[in-house]
Protein backbone atom coordinates (compact mmCIF):
# COMPACT_ATOMS: atom_id res chain seq x y z
CA MET A 1 0.00 0.00 0.00
CA VAL A 2 2.72 2.45 1.03
CA TYR A 3 4.81 1.33 -1.95
CA GLN A 4 1.97 2.09 -4.39
CA LEU A 5 1.52 5.53 -2.82
CA PHE A 6 5.21 6.30 -3.32
CA CYS A 7 5.04 5.17 -6.95
CA LEU A 8 2.00 7.39 -7.56
CA LEU A 9 3.71 10.40 -5.97
CA PHE A 10 6.83 9.75 -8.05
CA LEU A 11 4.79 9.58 -11.28
CA ILE A 12 2.98 12.83 -10.44
CA LEU A 13 6.32 14.53 -9.73
CA ILE A 14 7.71 13.36 -13.08
CA ILE A 15 4.63 14.60 -14.97
CA VAL A 16 4.66 17.98 -13.23
CA GLY A 17 8.41 18.25 -13.85
CA THR A 18 8.12 17.57 -17.58
CA VAL A 19 5.22 20.01 -17.98
CA SER A 20 7.14 22.80 -16.23
CA LEU A 21 10.23 21.90 -18.26
CA PHE A 22 8.35 22.25 -21.55
CA ARG A 23 6.89 25.56 -20.39
CA SER A 24 10.28 26.92 -19.33
CA ILE A 25 11.95 25.91 -22.63
CA LYS A 26 10.19 28.87 -24.26
CA HIS A 27 11.57 31.28 -21.65
CA ARG A 28 14.92 29.54 -21.24
CA LYS A 29 16.54 31.31 -24.22
CA THR A 30 16.00 34.75 -22.70
CA ARG A 31 16.96 33.46 -19.25
CA LEU A 32 20.20 32.03 -20.66
CA ASP A 33 20.98 35.31 -22.41
CA ILE A 34 20.47 37.20 -19.14
CA MET A 35 22.73 34.74 -17.29
CA GLU A 36 25.38 35.08 -20.00
CA LYS A 37 25.30 38.86 -19.75
CA LYS A 38 25.63 38.68 -15.97
CA MET A 39 28.62 36.36 -16.31
CA ASP A 40 30.25 38.72 -18.83
CA ASP A 41 29.72 41.68 -16.49
CA LEU A 42 31.21 39.69 -13.62
CA HIS A 43 34.20 38.77 -15.78
CA GLU A 44 34.75 42.44 -16.66
CA LEU A 45 34.58 43.41 -12.98
CA ILE A 46 37.16 40.74 -12.09
CA LYS A 47 39.45 41.91 -14.91
CA ARG A 48 39.18 45.52 -13.75
CA GLY A 49 39.82 44.49 -10.16
CA LYS A 50 43.07 42.72 -11.06
CA ASN A 51 44.48 45.65 -13.07
């Protein structure tokens, strides 16, 4: 009984995870671009700090 409950919870988690993944794929490009820009800014700051 407990085992079946765990399996059900696991399945629900997987389904919810995939749905949110597919939704975030659309936004991921912009999110990645933002992250990249932040990393570049950080890199510039580090370079300036060393000089």
